[in-house]
Amino acid sequence: MTPDKRTKLALDESRTLMLGAQILLGFQLQGPFQTAFSYLPSHAKVIYVIALGVMVLVVGLLITPSAYHRIVEHGAAGPRVDRFITRAAETTLAPFALAMALDLAIAGEVIGGVSVAFGAGTAGLVLALTFWYGPMVFRAGRQEGASAMHQTSTETKIEYAMTESRIVLPGAQAMLGFQLAIVVTQGFAAMPPLDKASHGIALACVALSTVLLMTPAAYHRIVYGGEAAPAFYIVASRLVLAATVFLAVGLSVEMYVVVRKITGIAAAGVFAAAVSIIVLVGLWHVWPLLRRWRERQP
């Protein structure tokens, strides 16, 4: 398989993981605004907050390869990018399995009590880890490619940029759908004005992120007629990176709203938002920029 196709396949696989993650993220953000959520026992609410925090980390890790590819590698293909995407996937699957197991445990407790919760959570965790990490035993004989970067054409770089916008878009899509849906719930109507305003800010950021992620497709079709223009590649890369900034802000502010709703403690919401923005911006922008700066040093 050529380096271009290997990198494209790796990005498509990251997109598949994000499509799975968006379902859990949407559930965890919507749950606290449903009427029955208040009837959950206190320990289930604690588990819920933990699962939400883990899913924010999962989304952060899933989008990191796209930001790394844009910032550090400038959209080029090659074994180094493939290895980075592979390592990111291996790191992401464990917290992903944990978050899913915690959500299954919560559902199990609602359905059948503590024993069902324990069984559902344990089974979900074991099955996910077995199927996701089991294939690693077959990796021993795999041959690694050369470390040098492949000379990537502008056409291929544009294809990568469009693929990476589709990796980020499901996360923004899940957020935007949740944010629009909860404004008509009773739980939202009972929130303090400050929390409603915070939700509005988060909604605006995620909506802008969604617009930015969809712009490359419209721009490429309308302005360039689908041609592989180097100028479009630069614009598309900047749009995708700008979208991740607004997504990080929107998700972090929404973390304040949701955690504040669950715990009733404003300080807990502020702490959750602060940790989220540090993790997301750190993974998507600060670390790749530092990596690029370090590689440019003599």
Protein backbone atom coordinates (compact mmCIF):
# COMPACT_ATOMS: atom_id res chain seq x y z
CA MET A 1 0.00 0.00 0.00
CA THR A 2 1.34 3.45 -0.90
CA PRO A 3 2.09 5.99 1.89
CA ASP A 4 -0.75 8.21 0.70
CA LYS A 5 -3.30 5.40 0.93
CA ARG A 6 -1.97 4.26 4.32
CA THR A 7 -2.36 7.72 5.81
CA LYS A 8 -5.82 8.14 4.27
CA LEU A 9 -6.89 4.80 5.73
CA ALA A 10 -5.53 5.76 9.16
CA LEU A 11 -7.52 9.00 9.10
CA ASP A 12 -10.67 7.14 8.02
CA GLU A 13 -10.25 4.78 10.97
CA SER A 14 -9.96 7.75 13.34
CA ARG A 15 -13.19 9.03 11.85
CA THR A 16 -14.87 5.69 12.60
CA LEU A 17 -13.86 5.94 16.25
CA MET A 18 -15.21 9.50 16.42
CA LEU A 19 -18.57 8.35 15.03
CA GLY A 20 -18.80 5.92 17.94
CA ALA A 21 -17.68 8.52 20.46
CA GLN A 22 -20.30 11.08 19.42
CA ILE A 23 -23.11 8.76 20.57
CA LEU A 24 -21.76 8.50 24.12
CA LEU A 25 -20.90 12.18 24.28
CA GLY A 26 -24.41 13.17 23.20
CA PHE A 27 -25.99 10.86 25.79
CA GLN A 28 -23.82 12.13 28.62
CA LEU A 29 -24.49 15.78 27.83
CA GLN A 30 -28.27 15.33 27.52
CA GLY A 31 -28.90 13.06 30.52
CA PRO A 32 -28.79 15.64 33.35
CA PHE A 33 -31.55 17.69 31.69
CA GLN A 34 -34.03 14.82 31.59
CA THR A 35 -36.67 14.59 34.30
CA ALA A 36 -35.71 11.10 35.49
CA PHE A 37 -32.07 12.06 36.05
CA SER A 38 -32.89 13.60 39.44
CA TYR A 39 -34.04 10.19 40.67
CA LEU A 40 -30.63 8.58 40.15
CA PRO A 41 -28.79 7.73 43.41
CA SER A 42 -25.92 10.01 44.35
CA HIS A 43 -23.23 7.42 43.51
CA ALA A 44 -24.69 7.01 40.02
CA LYS A 45 -24.43 10.76 39.49
CA VAL A 46 -20.78 10.64 40.56
CA ILE A 47 -20.16 7.85 38.06
CA TYR A 48 -21.96 9.94 35.44
CA VAL A 49 -19.63 12.90 36.01
CA ILE A 50 -16.58 10.62 35.78
CA ALA A 51 -17.84 9.10 32.53
CA LEU A 52 -18.46 12.57 31.11
CA GLY A 53 -14.94 13.68 31.96
CA VAL A 54 -13.47 10.54 30.39
CA MET A 55 -15.47 11.10 27.20
CA VAL A 56 -14.16 14.67 26.91
CA LEU A 57 -10.66 13.17 27.12
CA VAL A 58 -11.59 10.60 24.46
CA VAL A 59 -12.82 13.30 22.07
CA GLY A 60 -9.66 15.27 22.74
CA LEU A 61 -7.45 12.30 21.92
CA LEU A 62 -9.43 11.41 18.78
CA ILE A 63 -9.03 14.90 17.30
CA THR A 64 -5.35 15.23 18.29
CA PRO A 65 -4.01 13.36 15.20
CA SER A 66 -5.84 15.79 12.90
CA ALA A 67 -4.35 18.81 14.66
CA TYR A 68 -0.91 17.17 14.74
CA HIS A 69 -1.12 16.39 11.01
CA ARG A 70 -2.11 19.98 10.20
CA ILE A 71 0.40 21.75 12.46
CA VAL A 72 3.47 19.50 12.67
CA GLU A 73 3.45 17.60 9.36
CA HIS A 74 1.75 20.28 7.22
CA GLY A 75 -0.59 17.67 5.76
CA ALA A 76 2.15 15.39 4.43
CA ALA A 77 1.78 11.61 4.39
CA GLY A 78 4.31 9.12 5.67
CA PRO A 79 5.10 6.40 8.22
CA ARG A 80 5.63 8.90 11.04
CA VAL A 81 2.07 10.20 10.71
CA ASP A 82 0.72 6.66 10.47
CA ARG A 83 2.55 5.64 13.66
CA PHE A 84 1.27 8.70 15.49
CA ILE A 85 -2.34 7.96 14.51
CA THR A 86 -1.85 4.34 15.60
CA ARG A 87 -0.45 5.34 18.99
CA ALA A 88 -3.28 7.84 19.46
CA ALA A 89 -5.85 5.13 18.73
CA GLU A 90 -4.20 2.72 21.15
CA THR A 91 -4.23 5.39 23.85
CA THR A 92 -7.85 6.36 23.19
CA LEU A 93 -9.46 2.93 23.24
CA ALA A 94 -8.86 2.28 26.96
CA PRO A 95 -10.66 5.40 28.27
CA PHE A 96 -13.29 4.90 25.56
CA ALA A 97 -13.99 1.39 26.91
CA LEU A 98 -14.09 2.75 30.48
CA ALA A 99 -16.59 5.49 29.60
CA MET A 100 -18.84 3.02 27.79
CA ALA A 101 -18.67 0.59 30.74
CA LEU A 102 -19.63 3.35 33.19
CA ASP A 103 -22.59 4.36 31.01
CA LEU A 104 -23.71 0.74 30.77
CA ALA A 105 -23.44 0.46 34.56
CA ILE A 106 -25.70 3.49 35.00
CA ALA A 107 -28.24 2.06 32.55
CA GLY A 108 -28.01 -1.32 34.29
CA GLU A 109 -28.76 0.20 37.69
CA VAL A 110 -31.83 1.96 36.35
CA ILE A 111 -33.03 -1.26 34.74
CA GLY A 112 -32.26 -3.85 37.41
CA GLY A 113 -30.36 -2.45 40.37
CA VAL A 114 -26.78 -2.63 41.59
CA SER A 115 -26.10 -6.25 40.58
CA VAL A 116 -27.24 -5.64 37.00
CA ALA A 117 -25.18 -2.43 36.94
CA PHE A 118 -22.04 -4.29 38.00
CA GLY A 119 -22.60 -7.06 35.47
CA ALA A 120 -23.35 -4.70 32.59
CA GLY A 121 -20.40 -2.44 33.33
CA THR A 122 -17.95 -5.31 33.77
CA ALA A 123 -19.15 -7.13 30.65
CA GLY A 124 -18.95 -3.97 28.57
CA LEU A 125 -15.43 -3.19 29.76
CA VAL A 126 -14.11 -6.73 29.25
CA LEU A 127 -15.66 -7.15 25.82
CA ALA A 128 -14.49 -3.76 24.56
CA LEU A 129 -10.93 -4.25 25.79
CA THR A 130 -10.81 -7.79 24.40
CA PHE A 131 -12.01 -6.88 20.92
CA TRP A 132 -10.14 -3.58 20.67
CA TYR A 133 -6.79 -4.64 22.13
CA GLY A 134 -6.87 -8.32 21.22
CA PRO A 135 -5.57 -7.70 17.66
CA MET A 136 -2.35 -6.28 19.16
CA VAL A 137 -1.07 -9.84 19.67
CA PHE A 138 -0.85 -10.18 15.87
CA ARG A 139 1.30 -7.08 15.49
CA ALA A 140 4.61 -8.73 16.34
CA GLY A 141 5.41 -9.67 12.75
CA ARG A 142 4.34 -6.37 11.19
CA GLN A 143 7.02 -4.47 9.34
CA GLU A 144 7.43 -0.78 10.04
CA GLY A 145 7.94 1.60 7.15
CA ALA A 146 10.80 4.03 6.76
CA SER A 147 10.80 7.10 8.96
CA ALA A 148 11.21 9.63 6.14
CA MET A 149 8.17 11.65 5.15
CA HIS A 150 6.58 10.95 1.78
CA GLN A 151 6.37 13.71 -0.83
CA THR A 152 2.65 14.39 -0.80
CA SER A 153 0.84 16.08 -3.67
CA THR A 154 -1.44 19.07 -3.16
CA GLU A 155 -4.41 17.00 -4.30
CA THR A 156 -3.73 14.39 -1.62
CA LYS A 157 -3.17 17.04 1.06
CA ILE A 158 -6.55 18.55 0.22
CA GLU A 159 -8.13 15.11 0.53
CA TYR A 160 -6.54 14.71 3.96
CA ALA A 161 -7.79 18.14 5.07
CA MET A 162 -11.33 17.25 4.01
CA THR A 163 -11.10 13.90 5.80
CA GLU A 164 -9.88 15.58 8.97
CA SER A 165 -12.77 18.05 8.86
CA ARG A 166 -15.07 15.00 8.78
CA ILE A 167 -13.25 13.58 11.81
CA VAL A 168 -13.92 16.70 13.89
CA LEU A 169 -17.45 17.33 12.58
CA PRO A 170 -19.21 14.44 14.39
CA GLY A 171 -18.03 15.80 17.74
CA ALA A 172 -19.37 19.25 16.91
CA GLN A 173 -22.52 17.66 15.47
CA ALA A 174 -23.25 15.75 18.69
CA MET A 175 -22.66 18.89 20.75
CA LEU A 176 -24.84 21.14 18.58
CA GLY A 177 -27.75 18.71 18.50
CA PHE A 178 -27.67 18.35 22.27
CA GLN A 179 -27.39 22.08 22.87
CA LEU A 180 -30.35 22.90 20.65
CA ALA A 181 -32.50 20.11 22.11
CA ILE A 182 -32.11 20.93 25.80
CA VAL A 183 -33.33 24.53 25.52
CA VAL A 184 -36.90 23.17 25.34
CA THR A 185 -36.55 20.86 28.37
CA GLN A 186 -37.89 21.50 31.87
CA GLY A 187 -34.42 21.04 33.29
CA PHE A 188 -33.11 23.94 31.25
CA ALA A 189 -36.05 26.17 32.15
CA ALA A 190 -35.25 25.76 35.84
CA MET A 191 -31.58 26.74 35.47
CA PRO A 192 -30.24 30.08 36.81
CA PRO A 193 -29.82 32.91 34.27
CA LEU A 194 -26.01 32.69 34.47
CA ASP A 195 -26.05 29.03 33.51
CA LYS A 196 -28.45 29.73 30.65
CA ALA A 197 -26.13 32.48 29.40
CA SER A 198 -23.17 30.10 29.67
CA HIS A 199 -25.06 27.55 27.62
CA GLY A 200 -25.77 30.25 25.04
CA ILE A 201 -22.06 31.07 24.78
CA ALA A 202 -21.20 27.39 24.38
CA LEU A 203 -23.93 26.98 21.77
CA ALA A 204 -22.60 29.94 19.78
CA CYS A 205 -19.04 28.53 19.84
CA VAL A 206 -20.09 25.07 18.71
CA ALA A 207 -22.36 26.48 16.00
CA LEU A 208 -19.46 28.56 14.69
CA SER A 209 -17.19 25.50 14.83
CA THR A 210 -19.73 23.53 12.78
CA VAL A 211 -19.95 26.33 10.21
CA LEU A 212 -16.16 26.47 9.91
CA LEU A 213 -15.91 22.69 9.47
CA MET A 214 -18.47 22.73 6.65
CA THR A 215 -16.94 25.75 4.91
CA PRO A 216 -14.05 23.90 3.15
CA ALA A 217 -16.51 21.70 1.24
CA ALA A 218 -18.59 24.68 0.08
CA TYR A 219 -15.52 26.83 -0.62
CA HIS A 220 -13.80 24.11 -2.63
CA ARG A 221 -16.88 23.44 -4.73
CA ILE A 222 -18.03 27.03 -5.32
CA VAL A 223 -14.74 28.92 -5.63
CA TYR A 224 -12.40 26.30 -7.12
CA GLY A 225 -14.86 23.96 -8.82
CA GLY A 226 -13.23 21.01 -7.05
CA GLU A 227 -9.76 21.71 -8.43
CA ALA A 228 -6.69 20.87 -6.32
CA ALA A 229 -5.45 24.45 -5.77
CA PRO A 230 -2.59 25.05 -3.28
CA ALA A 231 -4.33 28.24 -2.10
CA PHE A 232 -7.41 26.24 -1.12
CA TYR A 233 -5.33 23.77 0.87
CA ILE A 234 -3.97 26.61 3.04
CA VAL A 235 -7.49 27.98 3.60
CA ALA A 236 -8.90 24.53 4.44
CA SER A 237 -6.14 23.80 6.95
CA ARG A 238 -6.72 27.10 8.74
CA LEU A 239 -10.47 26.60 8.82
CA VAL A 240 -10.14 23.13 10.40
CA LEU A 241 -7.72 24.39 13.04
CA ALA A 242 -9.89 27.44 13.81
CA ALA A 243 -12.91 25.15 14.21
CA THR A 244 -11.10 23.11 16.87
CA VAL A 245 -10.48 26.29 18.90
CA PHE A 246 -14.17 27.14 19.05
CA LEU A 247 -15.08 23.49 19.68
CA ALA A 248 -12.69 23.39 22.64
CA VAL A 249 -14.19 26.57 24.11
CA GLY A 250 -17.77 25.43 23.52
CA LEU A 251 -17.22 21.97 25.01
CA SER A 252 -15.41 23.41 28.04
CA VAL A 253 -18.12 25.97 28.78
CA GLU A 254 -20.75 23.26 28.36
CA MET A 255 -18.84 21.14 30.86
CA TYR A 256 -19.39 23.92 33.40
CA VAL A 257 -23.13 23.91 32.65
CA VAL A 258 -23.55 20.13 32.84
CA VAL A 259 -21.38 19.53 35.92
CA ARG A 260 -23.03 22.48 37.66
CA LYS A 261 -26.41 20.95 36.82
CA ILE A 262 -25.43 17.53 38.17
CA THR A 263 -23.68 18.61 41.37
CA GLY A 264 -25.39 21.89 42.14
CA ILE A 265 -21.93 23.33 42.93
CA ALA A 266 -20.69 26.18 40.77
CA ALA A 267 -17.06 25.61 41.77
CA ALA A 268 -17.24 22.02 40.51
CA GLY A 269 -18.46 23.28 37.15
CA VAL A 270 -15.70 25.88 36.93
CA PHE A 271 -13.09 23.24 37.76
CA ALA A 272 -14.44 20.87 35.10
CA ALA A 273 -14.43 23.66 32.51
CA ALA A 274 -10.88 24.71 33.40
CA VAL A 275 -9.53 21.17 33.16
CA SER A 276 -11.34 20.63 29.86
CA ILE A 277 -9.98 23.75 28.17
CA ILE A 278 -6.45 22.98 29.35
CA VAL A 279 -6.60 19.40 28.07
CA LEU A 280 -8.28 20.17 24.75
CA VAL A 281 -6.26 23.24 23.78
CA GLY A 282 -3.12 21.53 25.05
CA LEU A 283 -3.68 18.44 22.91
CA TRP A 284 -4.92 20.22 19.80
CA HIS A 285 -2.74 23.32 19.67
CA VAL A 286 -0.13 23.89 22.37
CA TRP A 287 1.60 20.51 22.15
CA PRO A 288 1.66 20.34 18.30
CA LEU A 289 3.00 23.91 18.10
CA LEU A 290 5.72 23.11 20.63
CA ARG A 291 6.55 19.93 18.68
CA ARG A 292 6.83 21.89 15.43
CA TRP A 293 8.95 24.59 17.06
CA ARG A 294 11.29 21.98 18.55
CA GLU A 295 11.74 20.20 15.21
CA ARG A 296 12.70 23.48 13.54
CA GLN A 297 15.52 24.08 15.97
CA PRO A 298 19.01 23.25 14.64
